[in-house]
Amino acid sequence: PSCFAEMLATLRAENFDNGRLSIARVAGAGAHHRISSAQVAEMLDLFSFDNQRLECAKLGVEWVRDPNNLHLLYRKFTFDAHKRELTQAIEARIRKQ
């Protein structure tokens, strides 16, 4: 299995969002610029609550190799406030480039 598949399996095995977020922080740091926006979106599906999902999305914005596809993450959120925070994270990433 790929490193990403192994990371997803580890996230799935964790019972709580806070634990998933901690694992994502550690695993994602090593995945810097190696995963796609679609893969981050797939990770977000594993979170039960929007707050932790948003935190993971903000981390993922920094990890992706294809920032032009970050729009895929918006589908994972219902509330405008979360979408606004995601927009701020994406804009910060763009400014860094």
PDB file of N, CA and C in Angstrom:
ATOM      1  N   PRO A   1       0.823  -1.199   0.000  1.00  0.00           N
ATOM      2  CA  PRO A   1       0.000   0.000   0.000  1.00  0.00           C
ATOM      3  C   PRO A   1       0.873   1.271   0.000  1.00  0.00           C
ATOM      4  N   SER A   2       0.323   2.332  -0.531  1.00  0.00           N
ATOM      5  CA  SER A   2       1.047   3.597  -0.561  1.00  0.00           C
ATOM      6  C   SER A   2       1.125   4.198   0.839  1.00  0.00           C
ATOM      7  N   CYS A   3       2.004   5.172   0.986  1.00  0.00           N
ATOM      8  CA  CYS A   3       2.108   5.872   2.265  1.00  0.00           C
ATOM      9  C   CYS A   3       0.784   6.545   2.617  1.00  0.00           C
ATOM     10  N   PHE A   4       0.115   7.086   1.596  1.00  0.00           N
ATOM     11  CA  PHE A   4      -1.168   7.738   1.848  1.00  0.00           C
ATOM     12  C   PHE A   4      -2.208   6.726   2.312  1.00  0.00           C
ATOM     13  N   ALA A   5      -2.248   5.561   1.694  1.00  0.00           N
ATOM     14  CA  ALA A   5      -3.192   4.512   2.101  1.00  0.00           C
ATOM     15  C   ALA A   5      -2.929   4.090   3.540  1.00  0.00           C
ATOM     16  N   GLU A   6      -1.671   4.012   3.904  1.00  0.00           N
ATOM     17  CA  GLU A   6      -1.321   3.650   5.284  1.00  0.00           C
ATOM     18  C   GLU A   6      -1.758   4.740   6.252  1.00  0.00           C
ATOM     19  N   MET A   7      -1.592   6.004   5.853  1.00  0.00           N
ATOM     20  CA  MET A   7      -2.025   7.104   6.704  1.00  0.00           C
ATOM     21  C   MET A   7      -3.540   7.065   6.890  1.00  0.00           C
ATOM     22  N   LEU A   8      -4.284   6.822   5.821  1.00  0.00           N
ATOM     23  CA  LEU A   8      -5.743   6.718   5.933  1.00  0.00           C
ATOM     24  C   LEU A   8      -6.148   5.577   6.856  1.00  0.00           C
ATOM     25  N   ALA A   9      -5.473   4.452   6.743  1.00  0.00           N
ATOM     26  CA  ALA A   9      -5.786   3.303   7.599  1.00  0.00           C
ATOM     27  C   ALA A   9      -5.549   3.660   9.065  1.00  0.00           C
ATOM     28  N   THR A  10      -4.483   4.377   9.337  1.00  0.00           N
ATOM     29  CA  THR A  10      -4.185   4.798  10.714  1.00  0.00           C
ATOM     30  C   THR A  10      -5.255   5.755  11.211  1.00  0.00           C
ATOM     31  N   LEU A  11      -5.663   6.689  10.372  1.00  0.00           N
ATOM     32  CA  LEU A  11      -6.721   7.631  10.760  1.00  0.00           C
ATOM     33  C   LEU A  11      -8.040   6.906  11.003  1.00  0.00           C
ATOM     34  N   ARG A  12      -8.360   5.934  10.157  1.00  0.00           N
ATOM     35  CA  ARG A  12      -9.609   5.164  10.320  1.00  0.00           C
ATOM     36  C   ARG A  12      -9.619   4.373  11.635  1.00  0.00           C
ATOM     37  N   ALA A  13      -8.453   3.907  12.042  1.00  0.00           N
ATOM     38  CA  ALA A  13      -8.353   3.090  13.252  1.00  0.00           C
ATOM     39  C   ALA A  13      -8.546   3.922  14.517  1.00  0.00           C
ATOM     40  N   GLU A  14      -8.364   5.225  14.417  1.00  0.00           N
ATOM     41  CA  GLU A  14      -8.539   6.108  15.572  1.00  0.00           C
ATOM     42  C   GLU A  14     -10.024   6.373  15.774  1.00  0.00           C
ATOM     43  N   ASN A  15     -10.481   6.292  17.028  1.00  0.00           N
ATOM     44  CA  ASN A  15     -11.911   6.407  17.321  1.00  0.00           C
ATOM     45  C   ASN A  15     -12.437   7.832  17.421  1.00  0.00           C
ATOM     46  N   PHE A  16     -11.557   8.788  17.713  1.00  0.00           N
ATOM     47  CA  PHE A  16     -12.026  10.145  17.989  1.00  0.00           C
ATOM     48  C   PHE A  16     -11.338  11.164  17.093  1.00  0.00           C
ATOM     49  N   ASP A  17     -12.082  12.227  16.764  1.00  0.00           N
ATOM     50  CA  ASP A  17     -11.558  13.269  15.878  1.00  0.00           C
ATOM     51  C   ASP A  17     -10.288  13.927  16.414  1.00  0.00           C
ATOM     52  N   ASN A  18     -10.229  14.167  17.729  1.00  0.00           N
ATOM     53  CA  ASN A  18      -9.020  14.801  18.273  1.00  0.00           C
ATOM     54  C   ASN A  18      -7.791  13.930  18.027  1.00  0.00           C
ATOM     55  N   GLY A  19      -7.950  12.634  18.191  1.00  0.00           N
ATOM     56  CA  GLY A  19      -6.860  11.708  17.905  1.00  0.00           C
ATOM     57  C   GLY A  19      -6.516  11.693  16.430  1.00  0.00           C
ATOM     58  N   ARG A  20      -7.529  11.715  15.583  1.00  0.00           N
ATOM     59  CA  ARG A  20      -7.294  11.749  14.130  1.00  0.00           C
ATOM     60  C   ARG A  20      -6.520  13.008  13.744  1.00  0.00           C
ATOM     61  N   LEU A  21      -6.893  14.126  14.356  1.00  0.00           N
ATOM     62  CA  LEU A  21      -6.223  15.383  14.045  1.00  0.00           C
ATOM     63  C   LEU A  21      -4.759  15.337  14.467  1.00  0.00           C
ATOM     64  N   SER A  22      -4.491  14.764  15.628  1.00  0.00           N
ATOM     65  CA  SER A  22      -3.094  14.620  16.088  1.00  0.00           C
ATOM     66  C   SER A  22      -2.285  13.748  15.132  1.00  0.00           C
ATOM     67  N   ILE A  23      -2.874  12.654  14.715  1.00  0.00           N
ATOM     68  CA  ILE A  23      -2.202  11.754  13.766  1.00  0.00           C
ATOM     69  C   ILE A  23      -1.976  12.472  12.438  1.00  0.00           C
ATOM     70  N   ALA A  24      -2.978  13.192  11.975  1.00  0.00           N
ATOM     71  CA  ALA A  24      -2.859  13.916  10.707  1.00  0.00           C
ATOM     72  C   ALA A  24      -1.737  14.947  10.771  1.00  0.00           C
ATOM     73  N   ARG A  25      -1.621  15.637  11.917  1.00  0.00           N
ATOM     74  CA  ARG A  25      -0.537  16.626  12.065  1.00  0.00           C
ATOM     75  C   ARG A  25       0.824  15.972  11.870  1.00  0.00           C
ATOM     76  N   VAL A  26       1.027  14.854  12.526  1.00  0.00           N
ATOM     77  CA  VAL A  26       2.316  14.163  12.459  1.00  0.00           C
ATOM     78  C   VAL A  26       2.551  13.576  11.069  1.00  0.00           C
ATOM     79  N   ALA A  27       1.557  12.878  10.557  1.00  0.00           N
ATOM     80  CA  ALA A  27       1.699  12.222   9.255  1.00  0.00           C
ATOM     81  C   ALA A  27       1.805  13.247   8.130  1.00  0.00           C
ATOM     82  N   GLY A  28       1.028  14.290   8.212  1.00  0.00           N
ATOM     83  CA  GLY A  28       1.031  15.299   7.166  1.00  0.00           C
ATOM     84  C   GLY A  28       2.322  16.074   7.083  1.00  0.00           C
ATOM     85  N   ALA A  29       2.982  16.267   8.215  1.00  0.00           N
ATOM     86  CA  ALA A  29       4.256  16.981   8.201  1.00  0.00           C
ATOM     87  C   ALA A  29       5.256  16.263   7.296  1.00  0.00           C
ATOM     88  N   GLY A  30       5.205  14.932   7.299  1.00  0.00           N
ATOM     89  CA  GLY A  30       6.090  14.151   6.444  1.00  0.00           C
ATOM     90  C   GLY A  30       5.612  14.076   5.008  1.00  0.00           C
ATOM     91  N   ALA A  31       4.362  14.435   4.776  1.00  0.00           N
ATOM     92  CA  ALA A  31       3.782  14.346   3.430  1.00  0.00           C
ATOM     93  C   ALA A  31       3.858  15.685   2.692  1.00  0.00           C
ATOM     94  N   HIS A  32       4.548  16.635   3.265  1.00  0.00           N
ATOM     95  CA  HIS A  32       4.601  18.003   2.740  1.00  0.00           C
ATOM     96  C   HIS A  32       4.835  18.030   1.229  1.00  0.00           C
ATOM     97  N   HIS A  33       3.887  18.594   0.513  1.00  0.00           N
ATOM     98  CA  HIS A  33       3.923  18.745  -0.956  1.00  0.00           C
ATOM     99  C   HIS A  33       3.932  17.405  -1.685  1.00  0.00           C
ATOM    100  N   ARG A  34       3.465  16.366  -1.042  1.00  0.00           N
ATOM    101  CA  ARG A  34       3.450  15.043  -1.669  1.00  0.00           C
ATOM    102  C   ARG A  34       2.064  14.474  -1.859  1.00  0.00           C
ATOM    103  N   ILE A  35       1.068  15.125  -1.300  1.00  0.00           N
ATOM    104  CA  ILE A  35      -0.281  14.596  -1.464  1.00  0.00           C
ATOM    105  C   ILE A  35      -1.115  15.587  -2.265  1.00  0.00           C
ATOM    106  N   SER A  36      -2.170  15.090  -2.827  1.00  0.00           N
ATOM    107  CA  SER A  36      -3.022  15.923  -3.680  1.00  0.00           C
ATOM    108  C   SER A  36      -4.167  16.530  -2.868  1.00  0.00           C
ATOM    109  N   SER A  37      -4.769  17.535  -3.451  1.00  0.00           N
ATOM    110  CA  SER A  37      -5.953  18.145  -2.834  1.00  0.00           C
ATOM    111  C   SER A  37      -7.067  17.114  -2.687  1.00  0.00           C
ATOM    112  N   ALA A  38      -7.210  16.234  -3.664  1.00  0.00           N
ATOM    113  CA  ALA A  38      -8.231  15.179  -3.591  1.00  0.00           C
ATOM    114  C   ALA A  38      -7.956  14.235  -2.417  1.00  0.00           C
ATOM    115  N   GLN A  39      -6.687  13.960  -2.144  1.00  0.00           N
ATOM    116  CA  GLN A  39      -6.354  13.095  -1.012  1.00  0.00           C
ATOM    117  C   GLN A  39      -6.665  13.782   0.312  1.00  0.00           C
ATOM    118  N   VAL A  40      -6.410  15.081   0.396  1.00  0.00           N
ATOM    119  CA  VAL A  40      -6.787  15.810   1.615  1.00  0.00           C
ATOM    120  C   VAL A  40      -8.301  15.749   1.780  1.00  0.00           C
ATOM    121  N   ALA A  41      -9.038  15.942   0.700  1.00  0.00           N
ATOM    122  CA  ALA A  41     -10.502  15.855   0.760  1.00  0.00           C
ATOM    123  C   ALA A  41     -10.936  14.479   1.264  1.00  0.00           C
ATOM    124  N   GLU A  42     -10.249  13.444   0.832  1.00  0.00           N
ATOM    125  CA  GLU A  42     -10.552  12.082   1.288  1.00  0.00           C
ATOM    126  C   GLU A  42     -10.298  11.941   2.794  1.00  0.00           C
ATOM    127  N   MET A  43      -9.227  12.559   3.274  1.00  0.00           N
ATOM    128  CA  MET A  43      -8.944  12.544   4.714  1.00  0.00           C
ATOM    129  C   MET A  43     -10.057  13.226   5.491  1.00  0.00           C
ATOM    130  N   LEU A  44     -10.566  14.324   4.958  1.00  0.00           N
ATOM    131  CA  LEU A  44     -11.595  15.086   5.662  1.00  0.00           C
ATOM    132  C   LEU A  44     -12.862  14.279   5.877  1.00  0.00           C
ATOM    133  N   ASP A  45     -13.127  13.334   4.994  1.00  0.00           N
ATOM    134  CA  ASP A  45     -14.309  12.472   5.140  1.00  0.00           C
ATOM    135  C   ASP A  45     -14.258  11.624   6.403  1.00  0.00           C
ATOM    136  N   LEU A  46     -13.087  11.450   6.980  1.00  0.00           N
ATOM    137  CA  LEU A  46     -12.944  10.601   8.157  1.00  0.00           C
ATOM    138  C   LEU A  46     -13.307  11.320   9.458  1.00  0.00           C
ATOM    139  N   PHE A  47     -13.468  12.622   9.383  1.00  0.00           N
ATOM    140  CA  PHE A  47     -13.776  13.392  10.588  1.00  0.00           C
ATOM    141  C   PHE A  47     -15.285  13.501  10.781  1.00  0.00           C
ATOM    142  N   SER A  48     -15.712  13.375  12.027  1.00  0.00           N
ATOM    143  CA  SER A  48     -17.138  13.433  12.355  1.00  0.00           C
ATOM    144  C   SER A  48     -17.633  14.857  12.541  1.00  0.00           C
ATOM    145  N   PHE A  49     -16.748  15.744  12.993  1.00  0.00           N
ATOM    146  CA  PHE A  49     -17.164  17.098  13.357  1.00  0.00           C
ATOM    147  C   PHE A  49     -16.426  18.140  12.528  1.00  0.00           C
ATOM    148  N   ASP A  50     -17.156  19.194  12.180  1.00  0.00           N
ATOM    149  CA  ASP A  50     -16.612  20.228  11.305  1.00  0.00           C
ATOM    150  C   ASP A  50     -15.405  20.951  11.888  1.00  0.00           C
ATOM    151  N   ASN A  51     -15.361  21.159  13.198  1.00  0.00           N
ATOM    152  CA  ASN A  51     -14.235  21.905  13.768  1.00  0.00           C
ATOM    153  C   ASN A  51     -12.909  21.203  13.515  1.00  0.00           C
ATOM    154  N   GLN A  52     -12.849  19.909  13.797  1.00  0.00           N
ATOM    155  CA  GLN A  52     -11.615  19.162  13.553  1.00  0.00           C
ATOM    156  C   GLN A  52     -11.384  18.977  12.052  1.00  0.00           C
ATOM    157  N   ARG A  53     -12.457  18.810  11.287  1.00  0.00           N
ATOM    158  CA  ARG A  53     -12.340  18.705   9.833  1.00  0.00           C
ATOM    159  C   ARG A  53     -11.699  19.977   9.277  1.00  0.00           C
ATOM    160  N   LEU A  54     -12.120  21.121   9.786  1.00  0.00           N
ATOM    161  CA  LEU A  54     -11.568  22.397   9.339  1.00  0.00           C
ATOM    162  C   LEU A  54     -10.091  22.508   9.701  1.00  0.00           C
ATOM    163  N   GLU A  55      -9.740  22.105  10.901  1.00  0.00           N
ATOM    164  CA  GLU A  55      -8.328  22.169  11.308  1.00  0.00           C
ATOM    165  C   GLU A  55      -7.468  21.286  10.410  1.00  0.00           C
ATOM    166  N   CYS A  56      -7.962  20.117  10.086  1.00  0.00           N
ATOM    167  CA  CYS A  56      -7.237  19.226   9.182  1.00  0.00           C
ATOM    168  C   CYS A  56      -7.139  19.845   7.788  1.00  0.00           C
ATOM    169  N   ALA A  57      -8.201  20.466   7.326  1.00  0.00           N
ATOM    170  CA  ALA A  57      -8.179  21.111   6.013  1.00  0.00           C
ATOM    171  C   ALA A  57      -7.133  22.219   5.972  1.00  0.00           C
ATOM    172  N   LYS A  58      -7.064  22.994   7.054  1.00  0.00           N
ATOM    173  CA  LYS A  58      -6.073  24.080   7.099  1.00  0.00           C
ATOM    174  C   LYS A  58      -4.654  23.527   7.052  1.00  0.00           C
ATOM    175  N   LEU A  59      -4.432  22.420   7.721  1.00  0.00           N
ATOM    176  CA  LEU A  59      -3.125  21.760   7.633  1.00  0.00           C
ATOM    177  C   LEU A  59      -2.882  21.266   6.211  1.00  0.00           C
ATOM    178  N   GLY A  60      -3.887  20.635   5.651  1.00  0.00           N
ATOM    179  CA  GLY A  60      -3.771  20.066   4.316  1.00  0.00           C
ATOM    180  C   GLY A  60      -3.462  21.091   3.247  1.00  0.00           C
ATOM    181  N   VAL A  61      -3.958  22.294   3.432  1.00  0.00           N
ATOM    182  CA  VAL A  61      -3.668  23.376   2.481  1.00  0.00           C
ATOM    183  C   VAL A  61      -2.158  23.543   2.313  1.00  0.00           C
ATOM    184  N   GLU A  62      -1.434  23.342   3.383  1.00  0.00           N
ATOM    185  CA  GLU A  62       0.031  23.489   3.347  1.00  0.00           C
ATOM    186  C   GLU A  62       0.726  22.272   2.747  1.00  0.00           C
ATOM    187  N   TRP A  63       0.082  21.128   2.751  1.00  0.00           N
ATOM    188  CA  TRP A  63       0.738  19.885   2.340  1.00  0.00           C
ATOM    189  C   TRP A  63       0.670  19.594   0.851  1.00  0.00           C
ATOM    190  N   VAL A  64      -0.310  20.157   0.171  1.00  0.00           N
ATOM    191  CA  VAL A  64      -0.616  19.682  -1.178  1.00  0.00           C
ATOM    192  C   VAL A  64       0.390  20.129  -2.233  1.00  0.00           C
ATOM    193  N   ARG A  65       0.505  19.279  -3.228  1.00  0.00           N
ATOM    194  CA  ARG A  65       1.380  19.579  -4.371  1.00  0.00           C
ATOM    195  C   ARG A  65       0.617  20.290  -5.477  1.00  0.00           C
ATOM    196  N   ASP A  66      -0.699  20.328  -5.379  1.00  0.00           N
ATOM    197  CA  ASP A  66      -1.545  20.929  -6.415  1.00  0.00           C
ATOM    198  C   ASP A  66      -2.499  21.963  -5.811  1.00  0.00           C
ATOM    199  N   PRO A  67      -1.979  23.077  -5.323  1.00  0.00           N
ATOM    200  CA  PRO A  67      -2.856  24.061  -4.676  1.00  0.00           C
ATOM    201  C   PRO A  67      -3.955  24.609  -5.588  1.00  0.00           C
ATOM    202  N   ASN A  68      -3.781  24.461  -6.895  1.00  0.00           N
ATOM    203  CA  ASN A  68      -4.820  24.905  -7.828  1.00  0.00           C
ATOM    204  C   ASN A  68      -6.106  24.074  -7.701  1.00  0.00           C
ATOM    205  N   ASN A  69      -6.040  22.934  -7.005  1.00  0.00           N
ATOM    206  CA  ASN A  69      -7.226  22.084  -6.818  1.00  0.00           C
ATOM    207  C   ASN A  69      -7.804  22.150  -5.404  1.00  0.00           C
ATOM    208  N   LEU A  70      -7.366  23.103  -4.616  1.00  0.00           N
ATOM    209  CA  LEU A  70      -7.864  23.201  -3.243  1.00  0.00           C
ATOM    210  C   LEU A  70      -9.358  23.495  -3.171  1.00  0.00           C
ATOM    211  N   HIS A  71      -9.948  23.932  -4.254  1.00  0.00           N
ATOM    212  CA  HIS A  71     -11.399  24.170  -4.284  1.00  0.00           C
ATOM    213  C   HIS A  71     -12.174  22.900  -3.938  1.00  0.00           C
ATOM    214  N   LEU A  72     -11.560  21.738  -4.113  1.00  0.00           N
ATOM    215  CA  LEU A  72     -12.220  20.468  -3.786  1.00  0.00           C
ATOM    216  C   LEU A  72     -12.582  20.372  -2.302  1.00  0.00           C
ATOM    217  N   LEU A  73     -11.855  21.078  -1.474  1.00  0.00           N
ATOM    218  CA  LEU A  73     -12.088  20.991  -0.029  1.00  0.00           C
ATOM    219  C   LEU A  73     -13.388  21.674   0.391  1.00  0.00           C
ATOM    220  N   TYR A  74     -13.833  22.649  -0.374  1.00  0.00           N
ATOM    221  CA  TYR A  74     -15.051  23.372   0.002  1.00  0.00           C
ATOM    222  C   TYR A  74     -16.269  22.455   0.087  1.00  0.00           C
ATOM    223  N   ARG A  75     -16.295  21.411  -0.697  1.00  0.00           N
ATOM    224  CA  ARG A  75     -17.437  20.476  -0.698  1.00  0.00           C
ATOM    225  C   ARG A  75     -17.610  19.767   0.642  1.00  0.00           C
ATOM    226  N   LYS A  76     -16.581  19.773   1.438  1.00  0.00           N
ATOM    227  CA  LYS A  76     -16.605  19.039   2.709  1.00  0.00           C
ATOM    228  C   LYS A  76     -17.207  19.851   3.850  1.00  0.00           C
ATOM    229  N   PHE A  77     -17.616  21.086   3.564  1.00  0.00           N
ATOM    230  CA  PHE A  77     -18.132  21.961   4.615  1.00  0.00           C
ATOM    231  C   PHE A  77     -19.514  22.479   4.271  1.00  0.00           C
ATOM    232  N   THR A  78     -20.352  22.581   5.297  1.00  0.00           N
ATOM    233  CA  THR A  78     -21.710  23.074   5.145  1.00  0.00           C
ATOM    234  C   THR A  78     -21.804  24.552   5.482  1.00  0.00           C
ATOM    235  N   PHE A  79     -21.116  24.960   6.525  1.00  0.00           N
ATOM    236  CA  PHE A  79     -21.281  26.307   7.066  1.00  0.00           C
ATOM    237  C   PHE A  79     -20.366  27.322   6.387  1.00  0.00           C
ATOM    238  N   ASP A  80     -20.935  28.490   6.115  1.00  0.00           N
ATOM    239  CA  ASP A  80     -20.176  29.561   5.472  1.00  0.00           C
ATOM    240  C   ASP A  80     -18.974  29.992   6.311  1.00  0.00           C
ATOM    241  N   ALA A  81     -19.126  29.999   7.620  1.00  0.00           N
ATOM    242  CA  ALA A  81     -18.012  30.407   8.490  1.00  0.00           C
ATOM    243  C   ALA A  81     -16.802  29.495   8.286  1.00  0.00           C
ATOM    244  N   HIS A  82     -17.040  28.204   8.138  1.00  0.00           N
ATOM    245  CA  HIS A  82     -15.935  27.266   7.915  1.00  0.00           C
ATOM    246  C   HIS A  82     -15.329  27.479   6.527  1.00  0.00           C
ATOM    247  N   LYS A  83     -16.168  27.755   5.560  1.00  0.00           N
ATOM    248  CA  LYS A  83     -15.667  28.021   4.207  1.00  0.00           C
ATOM    249  C   LYS A  83     -14.830  29.291   4.185  1.00  0.00           C
ATOM    250  N   ARG A  84     -15.233  30.298   4.965  1.00  0.00           N
ATOM    251  CA  ARG A  84     -14.449  31.542   5.043  1.00  0.00           C
ATOM    252  C   ARG A  84     -13.084  31.282   5.660  1.00  0.00           C
ATOM    253  N   GLU A  85     -13.052  30.488   6.719  1.00  0.00           N
ATOM    254  CA  GLU A  85     -11.761  30.152   7.346  1.00  0.00           C
ATOM    255  C   GLU A  85     -10.876  29.372   6.389  1.00  0.00           C
ATOM    256  N   LEU A  86     -11.468  28.471   5.636  1.00  0.00           N
ATOM    257  CA  LEU A  86     -10.714  27.720   4.640  1.00  0.00           C
ATOM    258  C   LEU A  86     -10.158  28.672   3.582  1.00  0.00           C
ATOM    259  N   THR A  87     -10.963  29.619   3.144  1.00  0.00           N
ATOM    260  CA  THR A  87     -10.512  30.610   2.167  1.00  0.00           C
ATOM    261  C   THR A  87      -9.311  31.381   2.699  1.00  0.00           C
ATOM    262  N   GLN A  88      -9.352  31.771   3.964  1.00  0.00           N
ATOM    263  CA  GLN A  88      -8.227  32.495   4.567  1.00  0.00           C
ATOM    264  C   GLN A  88      -6.956  31.651   4.545  1.00  0.00           C
ATOM    265  N   ALA A  89      -7.083  30.370   4.848  1.00  0.00           N
ATOM    266  CA  ALA A  89      -5.920  29.479   4.831  1.00  0.00           C
ATOM    267  C   ALA A  89      -5.358  29.326   3.416  1.00  0.00           C
ATOM    268  N   ILE A  90      -6.264  29.197   2.440  1.00  0.00           N
ATOM    269  CA  ILE A  90      -5.818  29.058   1.052  1.00  0.00           C
ATOM    270  C   ILE A  90      -5.136  30.335   0.579  1.00  0.00           C
ATOM    271  N   GLU A  91      -5.722  31.482   0.916  1.00  0.00           N
ATOM    272  CA  GLU A  91      -5.110  32.754   0.521  1.00  0.00           C
ATOM    273  C   GLU A  91      -3.740  32.945   1.146  1.00  0.00           C
ATOM    274  N   ALA A  92      -3.582  32.517   2.396  1.00  0.00           N
ATOM    275  CA  ALA A  92      -2.266  32.594   3.042  1.00  0.00           C
ATOM    276  C   ALA A  92      -1.258  31.720   2.334  1.00  0.00           C
ATOM    277  N   ARG A  93      -1.681  30.536   1.916  1.00  0.00           N
ATOM    278  CA  ARG A  93      -0.792  29.630   1.156  1.00  0.00           C
ATOM    279  C   ARG A  93      -0.368  30.277  -0.162  1.00  0.00           C
ATOM    280  N   ILE A  94      -1.310  30.887  -0.847  1.00  0.00           N
ATOM    281  CA  ILE A  94      -1.021  31.524  -2.126  1.00  0.00           C
ATOM    282  C   ILE A  94      -0.019  32.671  -1.946  1.00  0.00           C
ATOM    283  N   ARG A  95      -0.194  33.443  -0.879  1.00  0.00           N
ATOM    284  CA  ARG A  95       0.734  34.551  -0.617  1.00  0.00           C
ATOM    285  C   ARG A  95       2.151  34.068  -0.376  1.00  0.00           C
ATOM    286  N   LYS A  96       2.306  32.879   0.189  1.00  0.00           N
ATOM    287  CA  LYS A  96       3.635  32.319   0.482  1.00  0.00           C
ATOM    288  C   LYS A  96       4.377  31.869  -0.779  1.00  0.00           C
ATOM    289  N   GLN A  97       3.643  31.544  -1.821  1.00  0.00           N
ATOM    290  CA  GLN A  97       4.274  30.973  -3.022  1.00  0.00           C
ATOM    291  C   GLN A  97       5.137  31.983  -3.733  1.00  0.00           C
TER     292      GLN A  97
END
